[in-house]
Amino acid sequence: GEVAGNGVDDDSNGLIDDVYGWDFASGDNSVFDGAGDDHGTHVAGTIGAVGGNGAGVAGVVWNVKLLSAKFLGNRGGTTANAIKAVDYFTNLKNKGVNIVATNNSWGGGGFSQALKDAIDRANAANILFIAAAGNSGTNNDATASYPSGYTSANIIAVASITSTGALSSFSQYGATTVDIGAPGSGIWSTIPASS
C-alpha cells in the first residue's frame, strides 16, 4: 500500500515509505545500512535469489516477495523492538498483505512473555515463525533458547546442518525442542559488495 519516496504514510500504519520494510533499531525505512550489514542480504538470497539465469546463486523460492523488519543494529537490539518487528508483519497481514512466514535467524536473551505474546498474535494471523535453534552448540531440551524455545504453535525451530546432513558443530539441537535441520554451514548466497 505504500508509494515509494513520496514522504506519505499511504497505508496508514504509522510508518512513512516502508516499501521494503522498517528498521526498528534506527526508526526509519532504510533496512540496509551498508556492506557490513550483510546478514539479511545473505538470508534473502538463500530464500529468494532467482536461479536458472546464469548469475550468482539460486534460492529456495524463485518467485517470492520479501519484506524486512530489522531490529538489530551495530550495538545489538532490544526485545521491545523485536516485538515491534513481529507485530509489524502481523499488522500488515491483518490489513490483507499475504504474509505466510517470517524468518527469525536471531536469538538471545531470556524468556519474555511480551515477545511470546507477539509471536502468538502472529500465530492468530496464520503467520509461521521460523526460528534459528541457536549457534552455541548446546542442547535446547536442557536449556531453553529463545525465540525458538517458546511453545507457540507457529514456531518451527531449525538447527543448522552441513552439506553431508550432519549437525553443524555450532548448531544447537534438541530432540523435543528443535523441529528440523536445514543447510547452514558454508552457504553461498547473495552478499552486498563493499566499495
Protein backbone atom coordinates (compact mmCIF):
# COMPACT_ATOMS: atom_id res chain seq x y z
CA GLY A 1 0.00 0.00 0.00
CA GLU A 2 2.99 2.37 0.10
CA VAL A 3 4.14 4.60 -2.73
CA ALA A 4 7.94 4.77 -2.73
CA GLY A 5 9.58 8.08 -1.92
CA ASN A 6 6.51 10.29 -1.59
CA GLY A 7 7.02 11.02 2.12
CA VAL A 8 3.46 9.92 2.94
CA ASP A 9 2.21 7.06 5.09
CA ASP A 10 -0.01 5.71 2.30
CA ASP A 11 -1.11 2.55 4.14
CA SER A 12 -1.78 4.39 7.43
CA ASN A 13 0.38 2.10 9.58
CA GLY A 14 2.32 4.97 11.17
CA LEU A 15 5.46 4.35 9.09
CA ILE A 16 6.37 6.51 6.11
CA ASP A 17 7.55 4.88 2.87
CA ASP A 18 8.04 1.38 4.33
CA VAL A 19 8.06 -0.10 0.83
CA TYR A 20 10.79 -2.64 1.69
CA GLY A 21 10.03 -2.84 5.40
CA TRP A 22 11.12 -0.95 8.50
CA ASP A 23 14.28 -0.61 10.59
CA PHE A 24 13.05 -0.53 14.19
CA ALA A 25 16.61 -0.10 15.52
CA SER A 26 17.09 3.19 13.63
CA GLY A 27 13.43 4.18 13.30
CA ASP A 28 13.48 4.59 9.53
CA ASN A 29 12.69 2.82 6.27
CA SER A 30 16.34 2.06 5.45
CA VAL A 31 16.52 -1.68 6.08
CA PHE A 32 20.01 -1.93 4.56
CA ASP A 33 22.80 0.08 6.16
CA GLY A 34 25.87 -0.67 4.04
CA ALA A 35 28.19 -3.53 3.11
CA GLY A 36 28.78 -4.58 6.73
CA ASP A 37 25.05 -5.09 7.15
CA ASP A 38 25.04 -8.40 5.29
CA HIS A 39 23.12 -10.97 7.34
CA GLY A 40 19.69 -10.04 5.98
CA THR A 41 21.01 -9.90 2.42
CA HIS A 42 22.54 -13.36 2.81
CA VAL A 43 19.29 -14.77 4.20
CA ALA A 44 17.23 -13.09 1.48
CA GLY A 45 19.39 -14.68 -1.22
CA THR A 46 19.11 -18.10 0.37
CA ILE A 47 15.34 -17.72 0.35
CA GLY A 48 14.65 -15.97 -2.92
CA ALA A 49 17.59 -15.50 -5.27
CA VAL A 50 16.39 -16.22 -8.81
CA GLY A 51 18.06 -19.28 -10.30
CA GLY A 52 18.45 -20.57 -13.82
CA ASN A 53 19.74 -17.22 -15.04
CA GLY A 54 23.48 -17.90 -15.04
CA ALA A 55 24.10 -15.25 -12.39
CA GLY A 56 25.02 -15.69 -8.75
CA VAL A 57 23.19 -18.25 -6.64
CA ALA A 58 19.79 -19.90 -6.65
CA GLY A 59 17.48 -19.51 -3.68
CA VAL A 60 14.83 -21.92 -2.49
CA VAL A 61 11.87 -19.99 -3.96
CA TRP A 62 12.49 -18.09 -7.22
CA ASN A 63 9.21 -16.20 -7.27
CA VAL A 64 8.81 -14.56 -3.88
CA LYS A 65 8.44 -11.09 -2.42
CA LEU A 66 10.42 -10.32 0.73
CA LEU A 67 9.87 -7.61 3.31
CA SER A 68 12.23 -6.73 6.13
CA ALA A 69 11.58 -5.81 9.75
CA LYS A 70 15.01 -5.07 11.14
CA PHE A 71 15.57 -4.55 14.85
CA LEU A 72 19.24 -5.43 15.30
CA GLY A 73 21.86 -2.77 14.71
CA ASN A 74 25.59 -2.34 15.34
CA ARG A 75 25.00 -2.46 19.10
CA GLY A 76 22.56 -5.36 19.13
CA GLY A 77 18.86 -4.84 19.68
CA THR A 78 16.08 -4.75 22.21
CA THR A 79 13.21 -7.08 22.97
CA ALA A 80 10.86 -4.10 22.65
CA ASN A 81 11.98 -3.58 19.04
CA ALA A 82 11.79 -7.34 18.33
CA ILE A 83 8.15 -7.20 19.43
CA LYS A 84 7.54 -4.21 17.16
CA ALA A 85 9.08 -6.15 14.26
CA VAL A 86 6.91 -9.23 14.85
CA ASP A 87 3.79 -7.08 15.24
CA TYR A 88 4.70 -5.14 12.07
CA PHE A 89 4.17 -8.28 9.99
CA THR A 90 1.06 -9.30 11.90
CA ASN A 91 -0.50 -5.87 11.37
CA LEU A 92 0.30 -5.99 7.65
CA LYS A 93 -1.23 -9.46 7.40
CA ASN A 94 -4.33 -8.23 9.19
CA LYS A 95 -4.57 -5.45 6.56
CA GLY A 96 -4.56 -8.00 3.75
CA VAL A 97 -0.86 -8.40 2.85
CA ASN A 98 -0.17 -12.06 2.03
CA ILE A 99 2.48 -12.86 4.64
CA VAL A 100 2.96 -16.59 5.07
CA ALA A 101 6.05 -16.82 7.28
CA THR A 102 8.79 -14.81 8.90
CA ASN A 103 12.45 -15.79 9.09
CA ASN A 104 13.91 -15.21 12.54
CA SER A 105 17.56 -16.18 12.34
CA TRP A 106 18.36 -14.41 15.58
CA GLY A 107 18.38 -15.32 19.22
CA GLY A 108 19.46 -14.34 22.68
CA GLY A 109 18.02 -13.08 25.90
CA GLY A 110 15.81 -14.86 28.33
CA PHE A 111 12.12 -15.63 28.31
CA SER A 112 9.88 -12.65 27.54
CA GLN A 113 6.13 -13.04 27.94
CA ALA A 114 5.63 -9.92 25.80
CA LEU A 115 7.64 -11.42 22.91
CA LYS A 116 5.80 -14.74 23.22
CA ASP A 117 2.52 -12.80 23.12
CA ALA A 118 3.64 -11.10 19.88
CA ILE A 119 4.53 -14.48 18.36
CA ASP A 120 1.11 -15.77 19.43
CA ARG A 121 -0.53 -12.78 17.72
CA ALA A 122 1.33 -13.77 14.56
CA ASN A 123 0.02 -17.30 15.03
CA ALA A 124 -3.54 -15.98 15.29
CA ALA A 125 -2.94 -14.28 11.91
CA ASN A 126 -1.68 -17.60 10.43
CA ILE A 127 1.96 -16.50 10.13
CA LEU A 128 4.63 -19.16 10.64
CA PHE A 129 7.56 -18.04 12.81
CA ILE A 130 10.70 -19.81 11.56
CA ALA A 131 13.39 -19.53 14.26
CA ALA A 132 17.05 -20.48 14.44
CA ALA A 133 17.74 -23.12 17.08
CA GLY A 134 20.87 -21.15 18.00
CA ASN A 135 24.61 -21.15 17.44
CA SER A 136 26.05 -22.20 20.82
CA GLY A 137 26.26 -25.96 20.20
CA THR A 138 24.07 -26.74 23.22
CA ASN A 139 21.01 -28.90 23.83
CA ASN A 140 17.85 -26.78 23.83
CA ASP A 141 16.00 -29.59 25.62
CA ALA A 142 18.27 -28.98 28.63
CA THR A 143 18.41 -25.17 28.45
CA ALA A 144 15.81 -23.20 26.52
CA SER A 145 16.94 -20.84 23.78
CA TYR A 146 14.68 -18.02 22.64
CA PRO A 147 12.82 -17.24 20.48
CA SER A 148 12.94 -20.82 19.12
CA GLY A 149 12.12 -22.21 22.57
CA TYR A 150 8.74 -20.55 23.01
CA THR A 151 5.84 -23.02 22.96
CA SER A 152 3.84 -21.04 20.39
CA ALA A 153 2.17 -23.33 17.83
CA ASN A 154 3.51 -21.38 14.82
CA ILE A 155 7.21 -21.73 15.67
CA ILE A 156 9.39 -24.01 13.60
CA ALA A 157 12.81 -24.31 15.28
CA VAL A 158 15.60 -25.02 12.79
CA ALA A 159 19.03 -26.50 13.50
CA SER A 160 21.95 -25.99 11.12
CA ILE A 161 23.28 -28.95 9.17
CA THR A 162 26.30 -29.42 6.91
CA SER A 163 26.37 -30.43 3.25
CA THR A 164 26.56 -34.09 4.37
CA GLY A 165 23.47 -33.78 6.57
CA ALA A 166 25.40 -33.81 9.85
CA LEU A 167 24.65 -31.29 12.59
CA SER A 168 26.87 -28.21 12.22
CA SER A 169 29.42 -28.03 15.04
CA PHE A 170 27.99 -24.73 16.29
CA SER A 171 24.30 -25.57 15.96
CA GLN A 172 22.02 -26.00 18.91
CA TYR A 173 19.81 -29.08 18.86
CA GLY A 174 17.05 -30.76 20.84
CA ALA A 175 15.01 -33.92 20.30
CA THR A 176 11.82 -32.23 21.51
CA THR A 177 12.58 -28.52 21.06
CA VAL A 178 14.09 -28.40 17.57
CA ASP A 179 11.82 -29.36 14.69
CA ILE A 180 14.04 -29.66 11.63
CA GLY A 181 17.55 -29.19 10.28
CA ALA A 182 18.44 -27.14 7.21
CA PRO A 183 21.73 -26.37 5.47
CA GLY A 184 23.54 -23.70 7.45
CA SER A 185 27.28 -24.30 7.09
CA GLY A 186 29.25 -22.88 4.17
CA ILE A 187 26.19 -21.48 2.41
CA TRP A 188 26.88 -19.45 -0.73
CA SER A 189 24.39 -16.63 -1.10
CA THR A 190 23.96 -13.00 -2.02
CA ILE A 191 26.05 -10.52 -0.09
CA PRO A 192 26.50 -6.80 -0.58
CA ALA A 193 29.65 -5.66 -2.37
CA SER A 194 31.96 -3.38 -0.45
CA SER A 195 33.44 -0.46 -2.32
